[in-house]
N, C-alpha and C. Protein backbone atom coordinates (compact mmCIF):
# COMPACT_ATOMS: atom_id res chain seq x y z
N MET A 1 -19.89 8.17 13.59
CA MET A 1 -20.29 7.04 12.77
C MET A 1 -19.57 7.10 11.43
N ALA A 2 -19.02 5.98 11.04
CA ALA A 2 -18.33 5.91 9.76
C ALA A 2 -18.94 4.77 8.95
N GLY A 3 -19.52 5.10 7.82
CA GLY A 3 -20.11 4.05 6.99
C GLY A 3 -21.28 3.35 7.65
N GLY A 4 -22.04 4.07 8.51
CA GLY A 4 -23.19 3.47 9.17
C GLY A 4 -22.85 2.67 10.40
N ARG A 5 -21.58 2.68 10.81
CA ARG A 5 -21.17 1.90 11.97
C ARG A 5 -20.53 2.83 12.98
N LEU A 6 -20.73 2.54 14.25
CA LEU A 6 -20.05 3.30 15.29
C LEU A 6 -18.57 2.96 15.26
N ASN A 7 -17.72 3.94 15.48
CA ASN A 7 -16.28 3.70 15.46
C ASN A 7 -15.75 3.71 16.89
N PHE A 8 -15.57 2.53 17.47
CA PHE A 8 -15.07 2.40 18.83
C PHE A 8 -13.54 2.29 18.86
N VAL A 9 -12.92 2.06 17.73
CA VAL A 9 -11.50 1.79 17.69
C VAL A 9 -10.73 3.08 17.46
N GLU A 10 -9.78 3.37 18.35
CA GLU A 10 -8.96 4.56 18.24
C GLU A 10 -7.52 4.16 17.95
N ALA A 11 -6.86 4.97 17.16
CA ALA A 11 -5.46 4.71 16.84
C ALA A 11 -4.60 4.87 18.08
N GLY A 12 -3.52 4.10 18.15
CA GLY A 12 -2.58 4.23 19.24
C GLY A 12 -2.85 3.36 20.45
N LYS A 13 -3.98 2.69 20.48
CA LYS A 13 -4.29 1.80 21.61
C LYS A 13 -3.55 0.50 21.44
N PRO A 14 -3.22 -0.17 22.56
CA PRO A 14 -2.64 -1.51 22.45
C PRO A 14 -3.61 -2.47 21.75
N LEU A 15 -3.05 -3.52 21.15
CA LEU A 15 -3.88 -4.47 20.40
C LEU A 15 -5.00 -5.08 21.24
N ARG A 16 -4.73 -5.40 22.50
CA ARG A 16 -5.78 -6.01 23.33
C ARG A 16 -6.97 -5.07 23.46
N GLN A 17 -6.70 -3.76 23.62
CA GLN A 17 -7.78 -2.80 23.72
C GLN A 17 -8.50 -2.63 22.38
N GLN A 18 -7.73 -2.68 21.29
CA GLN A 18 -8.35 -2.63 19.96
C GLN A 18 -9.31 -3.81 19.79
N GLY A 19 -8.86 -5.00 20.21
CA GLY A 19 -9.71 -6.19 20.10
C GLY A 19 -10.95 -6.11 20.97
N ILE A 20 -10.78 -5.65 22.19
CA ILE A 20 -11.93 -5.50 23.10
C ILE A 20 -12.91 -4.50 22.51
N ASP A 21 -12.40 -3.41 21.99
CA ASP A 21 -13.28 -2.40 21.38
C ASP A 21 -14.00 -2.94 20.15
N ARG A 22 -13.31 -3.77 19.36
CA ARG A 22 -13.97 -4.34 18.18
C ARG A 22 -15.08 -5.30 18.58
N LEU A 23 -14.85 -6.09 19.63
CA LEU A 23 -15.93 -6.95 20.12
C LEU A 23 -17.10 -6.11 20.60
N MET A 24 -16.81 -5.02 21.30
CA MET A 24 -17.87 -4.14 21.78
C MET A 24 -18.60 -3.52 20.60
N GLY A 25 -17.87 -3.09 19.57
CA GLY A 25 -18.50 -2.51 18.39
C GLY A 25 -19.42 -3.50 17.69
N ALA A 26 -18.97 -4.73 17.58
CA ALA A 26 -19.80 -5.77 16.95
C ALA A 26 -21.05 -6.02 17.79
N TYR A 27 -20.90 -6.03 19.12
CA TYR A 27 -22.03 -6.26 20.01
C TYR A 27 -23.06 -5.14 19.88
N VAL A 28 -22.60 -3.90 19.87
CA VAL A 28 -23.50 -2.74 19.87
C VAL A 28 -24.14 -2.53 18.51
N THR A 29 -23.35 -2.56 17.43
CA THR A 29 -23.88 -2.19 16.12
C THR A 29 -24.54 -3.34 15.36
N ASP A 30 -24.11 -4.56 15.61
CA ASP A 30 -24.65 -5.70 14.86
C ASP A 30 -25.64 -6.53 15.66
N ASP A 31 -25.91 -6.12 16.90
CA ASP A 31 -26.79 -6.88 17.77
C ASP A 31 -26.29 -8.33 17.87
N THR A 32 -24.97 -8.47 17.98
CA THR A 32 -24.34 -9.77 18.08
C THR A 32 -24.48 -10.30 19.50
N HIS A 33 -24.67 -11.58 19.62
CA HIS A 33 -24.72 -12.22 20.93
C HIS A 33 -23.29 -12.56 21.33
N LEU A 34 -22.70 -11.76 22.19
CA LEU A 34 -21.32 -11.96 22.63
C LEU A 34 -21.28 -13.06 23.67
N THR A 35 -20.30 -13.93 23.57
CA THR A 35 -20.17 -15.03 24.51
C THR A 35 -18.83 -15.01 25.21
N ASN A 36 -18.75 -15.79 26.25
CA ASN A 36 -17.50 -15.98 26.98
C ASN A 36 -16.44 -16.53 26.04
N ARG A 37 -16.84 -17.34 25.09
CA ARG A 37 -15.91 -17.94 24.12
C ARG A 37 -15.23 -16.86 23.27
N ASP A 38 -15.97 -15.82 22.87
CA ASP A 38 -15.38 -14.72 22.10
C ASP A 38 -14.27 -14.04 22.89
N ALA A 39 -14.52 -13.81 24.17
CA ALA A 39 -13.51 -13.19 25.02
C ALA A 39 -12.30 -14.09 25.18
N ARG A 40 -12.52 -15.38 25.35
CA ARG A 40 -11.40 -16.32 25.48
C ARG A 40 -10.57 -16.37 24.21
N ARG A 41 -11.24 -16.37 23.06
CA ARG A 41 -10.49 -16.39 21.79
C ARG A 41 -9.63 -15.15 21.64
N LEU A 42 -10.16 -13.99 22.02
CA LEU A 42 -9.38 -12.76 21.94
C LEU A 42 -8.21 -12.80 22.92
N ALA A 43 -8.46 -13.26 24.14
CA ALA A 43 -7.37 -13.35 25.13
C ALA A 43 -6.30 -14.34 24.68
N ARG A 44 -6.71 -15.46 24.10
CA ARG A 44 -5.74 -16.43 23.57
C ARG A 44 -4.95 -15.84 22.41
N ALA A 45 -5.64 -15.09 21.57
CA ALA A 45 -4.95 -14.46 20.43
C ALA A 45 -3.84 -13.54 20.93
N MET A 46 -4.12 -12.77 21.95
CA MET A 46 -3.10 -11.87 22.49
C MET A 46 -1.96 -12.65 23.13
N ARG A 47 -2.30 -13.72 23.80
CA ARG A 47 -1.28 -14.55 24.44
C ARG A 47 -0.37 -15.21 23.40
N ILE A 48 -0.95 -15.65 22.30
CA ILE A 48 -0.18 -16.32 21.24
C ILE A 48 0.88 -15.39 20.68
N ILE A 49 0.55 -14.11 20.52
CA ILE A 49 1.52 -13.17 19.94
C ILE A 49 2.38 -12.48 20.99
N GLY A 50 2.32 -12.98 22.22
CA GLY A 50 3.21 -12.48 23.26
C GLY A 50 2.68 -11.31 24.07
N LYS A 51 1.44 -10.97 23.90
CA LYS A 51 0.82 -9.89 24.67
C LYS A 51 0.07 -10.52 25.83
N ARG A 52 0.60 -10.36 27.02
CA ARG A 52 -0.01 -10.97 28.21
C ARG A 52 -0.26 -9.92 29.28
N PRO A 53 -1.27 -9.09 29.06
CA PRO A 53 -1.56 -8.08 30.08
C PRO A 53 -2.11 -8.75 31.34
N SER A 54 -1.96 -8.08 32.45
CA SER A 54 -2.50 -8.64 33.69
C SER A 54 -4.03 -8.61 33.64
N TYR A 55 -4.62 -9.53 34.36
CA TYR A 55 -6.09 -9.57 34.40
C TYR A 55 -6.63 -8.26 34.96
N ARG A 56 -5.96 -7.71 35.95
CA ARG A 56 -6.41 -6.46 36.58
C ARG A 56 -6.47 -5.33 35.55
N GLU A 57 -5.45 -5.24 34.71
CA GLU A 57 -5.41 -4.19 33.68
C GLU A 57 -6.56 -4.34 32.69
N VAL A 58 -6.79 -5.55 32.24
CA VAL A 58 -7.88 -5.80 31.28
C VAL A 58 -9.23 -5.56 31.94
N SER A 59 -9.39 -6.02 33.16
CA SER A 59 -10.64 -5.84 33.87
C SER A 59 -10.96 -4.35 34.06
N HIS A 60 -9.95 -3.58 34.38
CA HIS A 60 -10.14 -2.14 34.56
C HIS A 60 -10.59 -1.50 33.23
N TYR A 61 -9.94 -1.88 32.14
CA TYR A 61 -10.30 -1.32 30.84
C TYR A 61 -11.73 -1.70 30.47
N ILE A 62 -12.09 -2.95 30.67
CA ILE A 62 -13.45 -3.41 30.35
C ILE A 62 -14.46 -2.65 31.20
N GLY A 63 -14.19 -2.50 32.49
CA GLY A 63 -15.09 -1.79 33.37
C GLY A 63 -15.27 -0.33 32.98
N ALA A 64 -14.20 0.29 32.54
CA ALA A 64 -14.26 1.70 32.16
C ALA A 64 -15.00 1.92 30.84
N HIS A 65 -14.96 0.93 29.94
CA HIS A 65 -15.52 1.12 28.61
C HIS A 65 -16.80 0.34 28.35
N TRP A 66 -17.14 -0.61 29.20
CA TRP A 66 -18.34 -1.41 29.00
C TRP A 66 -19.34 -1.23 30.14
N ASN A 67 -19.30 -0.10 30.81
CA ASN A 67 -20.15 0.08 31.98
C ASN A 67 -21.64 0.12 31.65
N ARG A 68 -22.01 0.37 30.38
CA ARG A 68 -23.42 0.35 30.00
C ARG A 68 -23.96 -1.07 29.88
N TRP A 69 -23.07 -2.06 29.77
CA TRP A 69 -23.47 -3.44 29.58
C TRP A 69 -22.77 -4.31 30.63
N PRO A 70 -23.19 -4.26 31.88
CA PRO A 70 -22.48 -4.99 32.94
C PRO A 70 -22.46 -6.50 32.73
N ASP A 71 -23.50 -7.07 32.16
CA ASP A 71 -23.51 -8.52 31.92
C ASP A 71 -22.47 -8.91 30.87
N VAL A 72 -22.39 -8.11 29.83
CA VAL A 72 -21.41 -8.38 28.78
C VAL A 72 -19.99 -8.16 29.31
N ALA A 73 -19.82 -7.13 30.13
CA ALA A 73 -18.51 -6.87 30.75
C ALA A 73 -18.09 -8.06 31.61
N ALA A 74 -19.04 -8.63 32.33
CA ALA A 74 -18.73 -9.80 33.16
C ALA A 74 -18.31 -10.99 32.29
N LEU A 75 -18.97 -11.18 31.15
CA LEU A 75 -18.57 -12.25 30.23
C LEU A 75 -17.14 -12.04 29.73
N MET A 76 -16.83 -10.80 29.36
CA MET A 76 -15.48 -10.49 28.89
C MET A 76 -14.45 -10.76 29.98
N ARG A 77 -14.74 -10.33 31.18
CA ARG A 77 -13.80 -10.54 32.29
C ARG A 77 -13.59 -12.03 32.55
N ASP A 78 -14.68 -12.78 32.56
CA ASP A 78 -14.58 -14.23 32.81
C ASP A 78 -13.72 -14.91 31.75
N GLY A 79 -13.90 -14.51 30.50
CA GLY A 79 -13.10 -15.09 29.42
C GLY A 79 -11.62 -14.80 29.59
N TRP A 80 -11.29 -13.56 29.89
CA TRP A 80 -9.88 -13.20 30.10
C TRP A 80 -9.31 -13.90 31.33
N ARG A 81 -10.11 -14.01 32.38
CA ARG A 81 -9.63 -14.66 33.61
C ARG A 81 -9.30 -16.13 33.35
N SER A 82 -10.15 -16.82 32.61
CA SER A 82 -9.91 -18.24 32.36
C SER A 82 -8.64 -18.44 31.55
N VAL A 83 -8.36 -17.57 30.60
CA VAL A 83 -7.15 -17.70 29.79
C VAL A 83 -5.92 -17.31 30.59
N SER A 84 -6.04 -16.29 31.44
CA SER A 84 -4.87 -15.88 32.23
C SER A 84 -4.47 -16.96 33.24
N ARG A 85 -5.41 -17.78 33.65
CA ARG A 85 -5.10 -18.88 34.58
C ARG A 85 -4.59 -20.14 33.87
N ALA A 86 -4.85 -20.24 32.59
CA ALA A 86 -4.51 -21.46 31.83
C ALA A 86 -3.00 -21.64 31.71
N GLN A 87 -2.60 -22.86 31.54
CA GLN A 87 -1.19 -23.20 31.36
C GLN A 87 -0.76 -23.09 29.90
N THR A 88 -1.71 -22.96 29.00
CA THR A 88 -1.40 -22.95 27.58
C THR A 88 -2.18 -21.84 26.86
N ALA A 89 -1.64 -21.40 25.75
CA ALA A 89 -2.31 -20.35 24.98
C ALA A 89 -3.45 -20.92 24.14
N PHE A 90 -3.39 -22.19 23.83
CA PHE A 90 -4.42 -22.81 23.01
C PHE A 90 -5.37 -23.59 23.91
N GLY A 91 -6.66 -23.34 23.72
CA GLY A 91 -7.65 -24.06 24.50
C GLY A 91 -8.16 -25.28 23.76
N ARG A 92 -9.03 -26.01 24.41
CA ARG A 92 -9.58 -27.22 23.80
C ARG A 92 -10.38 -26.92 22.55
N GLU A 93 -11.03 -25.75 22.50
CA GLU A 93 -11.84 -25.46 21.32
C GLU A 93 -11.05 -24.70 20.25
N SER A 94 -9.74 -24.64 20.38
CA SER A 94 -8.90 -23.96 19.39
C SER A 94 -8.52 -24.94 18.28
N HIS A 95 -9.42 -25.09 17.34
CA HIS A 95 -9.19 -25.99 16.22
C HIS A 95 -8.56 -25.22 15.06
N TRP A 96 -8.09 -25.92 14.08
CA TRP A 96 -7.45 -25.27 12.93
C TRP A 96 -8.39 -24.28 12.29
N TYR A 97 -9.61 -24.68 12.07
CA TYR A 97 -10.55 -23.83 11.35
C TYR A 97 -10.88 -22.55 12.12
N GLY A 98 -10.94 -22.62 13.43
CA GLY A 98 -11.28 -21.45 14.25
C GLY A 98 -10.13 -20.99 15.12
N THR A 99 -8.93 -21.00 14.59
CA THR A 99 -7.77 -20.65 15.39
C THR A 99 -7.85 -19.23 15.93
N PRO A 100 -7.47 -19.04 17.20
CA PRO A 100 -7.47 -17.69 17.75
C PRO A 100 -6.44 -16.78 17.08
N LEU A 101 -5.48 -17.37 16.38
CA LEU A 101 -4.49 -16.56 15.68
C LEU A 101 -5.13 -15.69 14.60
N GLN A 102 -6.28 -16.12 14.07
CA GLN A 102 -6.99 -15.29 13.08
C GLN A 102 -7.26 -13.91 13.63
N LEU A 103 -7.74 -13.85 14.86
CA LEU A 103 -8.09 -12.57 15.47
C LEU A 103 -6.87 -11.68 15.61
N ALA A 104 -5.78 -12.26 16.10
CA ALA A 104 -4.55 -11.48 16.26
C ALA A 104 -4.04 -11.01 14.91
N ASP A 105 -4.11 -11.87 13.91
CA ASP A 105 -3.62 -11.53 12.58
C ASP A 105 -4.41 -10.36 12.00
N VAL A 106 -5.72 -10.38 12.15
CA VAL A 106 -6.56 -9.30 11.65
C VAL A 106 -6.25 -8.00 12.38
N LEU A 107 -6.11 -8.06 13.69
CA LEU A 107 -5.81 -6.85 14.46
C LEU A 107 -4.45 -6.27 14.10
N ILE A 108 -3.46 -7.14 13.96
CA ILE A 108 -2.12 -6.67 13.59
C ILE A 108 -2.14 -6.06 12.21
N GLU A 109 -2.79 -6.72 11.28
CA GLU A 109 -2.85 -6.24 9.90
C GLU A 109 -3.48 -4.86 9.83
N LYS A 110 -4.50 -4.64 10.63
CA LYS A 110 -5.23 -3.38 10.58
C LYS A 110 -4.60 -2.27 11.42
N HIS A 111 -4.04 -2.61 12.57
CA HIS A 111 -3.61 -1.58 13.52
C HIS A 111 -2.11 -1.47 13.72
N GLU A 112 -1.37 -2.50 13.39
CA GLU A 112 0.08 -2.46 13.56
C GLU A 112 0.78 -3.15 12.39
N PRO A 113 0.56 -2.67 11.18
CA PRO A 113 1.12 -3.35 10.01
C PRO A 113 2.65 -3.31 9.95
N GLN A 114 3.27 -2.43 10.71
CA GLN A 114 4.73 -2.35 10.69
C GLN A 114 5.38 -3.56 11.36
N LEU A 115 4.68 -4.27 12.21
CA LEU A 115 5.21 -5.47 12.85
C LEU A 115 4.26 -6.62 12.54
N ARG A 116 4.58 -7.38 11.52
CA ARG A 116 3.70 -8.44 11.03
C ARG A 116 3.58 -9.59 12.04
N THR A 117 2.55 -10.38 11.84
CA THR A 117 2.29 -11.53 12.69
C THR A 117 3.49 -12.47 12.70
N GLU A 118 4.09 -12.67 11.54
CA GLU A 118 5.25 -13.56 11.45
C GLU A 118 6.38 -13.11 12.38
N ALA A 119 6.66 -11.80 12.42
CA ALA A 119 7.72 -11.27 13.28
C ALA A 119 7.36 -11.45 14.76
N ARG A 120 6.11 -11.26 15.10
CA ARG A 120 5.68 -11.45 16.49
C ARG A 120 5.84 -12.90 16.92
N LEU A 121 5.41 -13.82 16.04
CA LEU A 121 5.54 -15.24 16.38
C LEU A 121 6.99 -15.66 16.49
N ALA A 122 7.85 -15.12 15.64
CA ALA A 122 9.28 -15.42 15.72
C ALA A 122 9.85 -14.95 17.06
N ALA A 123 9.48 -13.76 17.49
CA ALA A 123 9.97 -13.23 18.76
C ALA A 123 9.49 -14.09 19.94
N VAL A 124 8.21 -14.50 19.90
CA VAL A 124 7.67 -15.35 20.96
C VAL A 124 8.40 -16.69 21.00
N ALA A 125 8.64 -17.28 19.82
CA ALA A 125 9.32 -18.58 19.76
C ALA A 125 10.76 -18.47 20.26
N HIS A 126 11.46 -17.43 19.87
CA HIS A 126 12.84 -17.25 20.33
C HIS A 126 12.90 -17.06 21.85
N ASP A 127 11.98 -16.25 22.37
CA ASP A 127 11.94 -16.04 23.83
C ASP A 127 11.61 -17.34 24.56
N ALA A 128 10.68 -18.12 24.01
CA ALA A 128 10.30 -19.39 24.64
C ALA A 128 11.46 -20.38 24.63
N LEU A 129 12.20 -20.42 23.53
CA LEU A 129 13.36 -21.32 23.46
C LEU A 129 14.44 -20.89 24.44
N ASP A 130 14.73 -19.60 24.51
CA ASP A 130 15.72 -19.09 25.47
C ASP A 130 15.31 -19.43 26.91
N ALA A 131 14.01 -19.25 27.21
CA ALA A 131 13.53 -19.55 28.57
C ALA A 131 13.62 -21.04 28.87
N LEU A 132 13.36 -21.89 27.88
CA LEU A 132 13.46 -23.34 28.09
C LEU A 132 14.90 -23.75 28.34
N ILE A 133 15.82 -23.22 27.58
CA ILE A 133 17.23 -23.55 27.78
C ILE A 133 17.70 -23.10 29.16
N GLU A 134 17.27 -21.92 29.56
CA GLU A 134 17.61 -21.42 30.90
C GLU A 134 17.02 -22.32 31.98
N ALA A 135 15.77 -22.74 31.80
CA ALA A 135 15.11 -23.60 32.78
C ALA A 135 15.74 -24.99 32.83
N ALA A 136 16.28 -25.45 31.70
CA ALA A 136 16.91 -26.78 31.65
C ALA A 136 18.12 -26.86 32.56
N GLU A 137 18.73 -25.72 32.81
CA GLU A 137 19.92 -25.68 33.66
C GLU A 137 19.59 -25.58 35.14
N GLN A 138 18.34 -25.44 35.48
CA GLN A 138 17.89 -25.29 36.87
C GLN A 138 17.24 -26.58 37.36
N PRO A 139 17.23 -26.81 38.67
CA PRO A 139 16.65 -28.05 39.19
C PRO A 139 15.12 -28.05 39.28
N ASP A 140 14.45 -26.91 39.08
CA ASP A 140 13.01 -26.79 39.25
C ASP A 140 12.27 -27.44 38.07
N THR A 141 11.65 -28.58 38.29
CA THR A 141 10.96 -29.31 37.23
C THR A 141 9.69 -28.59 36.77
N ALA A 142 8.95 -27.99 37.69
CA ALA A 142 7.70 -27.29 37.32
C ALA A 142 7.99 -26.14 36.35
N THR A 143 9.03 -25.39 36.61
CA THR A 143 9.39 -24.28 35.72
C THR A 143 9.80 -24.82 34.35
N TYR A 144 10.58 -25.89 34.35
CA TYR A 144 11.02 -26.49 33.09
C TYR A 144 9.81 -26.94 32.26
N LEU A 145 8.85 -27.63 32.90
CA LEU A 145 7.67 -28.11 32.17
C LEU A 145 6.82 -26.95 31.66
N ASN A 146 6.71 -25.88 32.43
CA ASN A 146 5.97 -24.70 32.00
C ASN A 146 6.64 -24.06 30.78
N ARG A 147 7.95 -23.94 30.81
CA ARG A 147 8.68 -23.36 29.67
C ARG A 147 8.57 -24.27 28.43
N LYS A 148 8.53 -25.56 28.66
CA LYS A 148 8.37 -26.52 27.55
C LYS A 148 7.00 -26.34 26.90
N ARG A 149 5.95 -26.13 27.72
CA ARG A 149 4.61 -25.87 27.20
C ARG A 149 4.58 -24.57 26.39
N GLN A 150 5.29 -23.55 26.88
CA GLN A 150 5.32 -22.28 26.17
C GLN A 150 5.98 -22.42 24.79
N LEU A 151 7.04 -23.19 24.72
CA LEU A 151 7.69 -23.42 23.43
C LEU A 151 6.77 -24.23 22.50
N ALA A 152 6.09 -25.23 23.04
CA ALA A 152 5.15 -26.01 22.23
C ALA A 152 4.04 -25.11 21.69
N ASP A 153 3.54 -24.18 22.52
CA ASP A 153 2.54 -23.23 22.05
C ASP A 153 3.08 -22.35 20.93
N ALA A 154 4.32 -21.90 21.06
CA ALA A 154 4.93 -21.05 20.03
C ALA A 154 5.04 -21.80 18.70
N LEU A 155 5.45 -23.05 18.76
CA LEU A 155 5.55 -23.85 17.54
C LEU A 155 4.18 -24.14 16.94
N ARG A 156 3.21 -24.38 17.80
CA ARG A 156 1.85 -24.61 17.32
C ARG A 156 1.29 -23.35 16.65
N ALA A 157 1.64 -22.19 17.18
CA ALA A 157 1.20 -20.93 16.59
C ALA A 157 1.76 -20.77 15.18
N VAL A 158 3.00 -21.22 14.96
CA VAL A 158 3.59 -21.17 13.62
C VAL A 158 2.81 -22.09 12.67
N GLN A 159 2.41 -23.25 13.16
CA GLN A 159 1.58 -24.14 12.34
C GLN A 159 0.25 -23.48 12.00
N HIS A 160 -0.35 -22.81 12.98
CA HIS A 160 -1.62 -22.12 12.74
C HIS A 160 -1.43 -21.00 11.72
N LEU A 161 -0.30 -20.32 11.77
CA LEU A 161 -0.02 -19.28 10.79
C LEU A 161 0.09 -19.88 9.39
N ARG A 162 0.78 -20.99 9.28
CA ARG A 162 0.90 -21.65 7.98
C ARG A 162 -0.48 -22.06 7.47
N TYR A 163 -1.32 -22.57 8.34
CA TYR A 163 -2.68 -22.92 7.96
C TYR A 163 -3.43 -21.69 7.46
N LEU A 164 -3.31 -20.56 8.18
CA LEU A 164 -4.02 -19.35 7.77
C LEU A 164 -3.53 -18.84 6.41
N ARG A 165 -2.24 -18.96 6.17
CA ARG A 165 -1.67 -18.42 4.93
C ARG A 165 -1.79 -19.38 3.75
N GLN A 166 -1.66 -20.69 4.01
CA GLN A 166 -1.55 -21.65 2.92
C GLN A 166 -2.69 -22.66 2.84
N GLY A 167 -3.49 -22.78 3.89
CA GLY A 167 -4.56 -23.75 3.90
C GLY A 167 -4.13 -25.08 4.52
N ALA A 168 -5.10 -25.94 4.77
CA ALA A 168 -4.85 -27.20 5.45
C ALA A 168 -3.94 -28.12 4.65
N GLY A 169 -3.98 -28.03 3.34
CA GLY A 169 -3.13 -28.88 2.51
C GLY A 169 -1.66 -28.65 2.77
N ALA A 170 -1.29 -27.45 3.19
CA ALA A 170 0.12 -27.13 3.46
C ALA A 170 0.63 -27.82 4.72
N LEU A 171 -0.28 -28.34 5.52
CA LEU A 171 0.11 -29.07 6.73
C LEU A 171 0.02 -30.57 6.53
N GLY A 172 -0.38 -30.99 5.33
CA GLY A 172 -0.47 -32.41 5.03
C GLY A 172 -1.82 -33.01 5.38
N PHE A 173 -2.80 -32.18 5.72
CA PHE A 173 -4.13 -32.69 6.05
C PHE A 173 -4.88 -33.00 4.77
N GLN A 174 -5.69 -34.02 4.82
CA GLN A 174 -6.58 -34.35 3.73
C GLN A 174 -7.96 -33.83 4.11
N THR A 175 -8.39 -32.74 3.48
CA THR A 175 -9.69 -32.16 3.81
C THR A 175 -10.48 -31.91 2.53
N LEU A 176 -11.75 -31.65 2.71
CA LEU A 176 -12.59 -31.29 1.57
C LEU A 176 -12.31 -29.87 1.11
N ASP A 177 -11.88 -29.00 2.04
CA ASP A 177 -11.61 -27.61 1.72
C ASP A 177 -10.17 -27.27 2.06
N PRO A 178 -9.26 -27.35 1.08
CA PRO A 178 -7.86 -27.09 1.37
C PRO A 178 -7.52 -25.61 1.46
N GLY A 179 -8.50 -24.73 1.33
CA GLY A 179 -8.26 -23.29 1.38
C GLY A 179 -7.96 -22.81 2.79
N ALA A 180 -7.52 -21.57 2.86
CA ALA A 180 -7.22 -20.96 4.16
C ALA A 180 -8.50 -20.75 4.95
N ALA A 181 -8.36 -20.59 6.24
CA ALA A 181 -9.51 -20.37 7.12
C ALA A 181 -10.16 -19.03 6.79
N PRO A 182 -11.48 -18.95 6.96
CA PRO A 182 -12.17 -17.68 6.68
C PRO A 182 -11.79 -16.62 7.71
N ARG A 183 -11.73 -15.37 7.28
CA ARG A 183 -11.39 -14.26 8.16
C ARG A 183 -12.58 -13.94 9.05
N PRO A 184 -12.34 -13.46 10.28
CA PRO A 184 -13.45 -13.04 11.13
C PRO A 184 -14.22 -11.89 10.47
N ARG A 185 -15.51 -11.82 10.67
CA ARG A 185 -16.31 -10.83 10.00
C ARG A 185 -16.17 -9.44 10.61
N TRP A 186 -15.65 -9.34 11.81
CA TRP A 186 -15.48 -8.00 12.40
C TRP A 186 -14.09 -7.57 12.17
């Protein structure tokens, strides 16, 4: 226990595992009601920054570390499964104020500060553009449309980053609160 809280996060783990552990820590120590939406936001956050582990890998990790809470483990698995099947990294409930990029940004800042969120998003966008150009030269329309969606997601992630860093006013929105989005409490 550190500072009255259980420490579930270990150095050297991949970001997805760090995020899963942080959700588990919040659930155990804060008596937080964990939902399928929390798992989806974390899975989307990882997808936005280019981390796309297989569902089997995530499910195995959740099963190995959440075996005391099988209902919560099932919620986590369902959330990851729905995102892994989705065609896009951003879901319908991914609004500016609650962008899943917040979660990735916090995890990167805390656990991998040597590779900033900006660098990860740049790499994802470059890879998406290269894949789209490659797909444009092929006759397969489904692949081309999928690559086009991936590039759109990468560009949208850059907008979300600007919102997180500069606030809604930096995107030209007229809002009552032009400040940046609040950081997640965990």
